[in-house]
Amino acid sequence: MKASEPRKIFVNLPVRSLPRSIEFWSKLGFAFDPRFTDDSATCMILSDEAFVMLLVEARFKDFAKKEICDARTRTEGIFGLTAGSKAEVDDLVKTALSSGATPAADTMDHGFMYTRSFCDPDGHHWEVFWMDPNAIPQ
């Protein structure tokens, strides 16, 4: 693969209830690839190049040698999602919170970047942000 070719990314996350996770992310407008979906996993499509594999904990353990992190009590990572505007950030987070997510951090507005966050029903920390690269202070 040439360095200039875009790479695909597949983030794998353990979930306690696959149906609940699919319902939650569907409410936020995400679709799933049926080719990679069964009763133990699904492939959530972020873009043509980015995907999140949601795997029930038992299936996730097939790939992990270490103990699974309980994201409800520990931070395993922070996953960022872009939005097209500040209003889209607000809409996505509002929908997440009304669909079972919990707030993760205070809203940050730096003018050129606006960020809100939530923890999904499994405790995974998501940052939703809008940024205007032309307005970044030099």
Foldseek 3Di string as FASTA:
>chain_A
DDPPDDAADEAEDEDAAPVLVVVLVVLLPWDWDPVFDDRFWIWTDQDPRYIYIYGHPVVVVVVDPDDHDQLQVDAPDEAEHEDADPVSQVVSVVSQVVSQWAFDDDWDCPPQKTWGWTQHNSNHIYIYMYGDVVPDDD
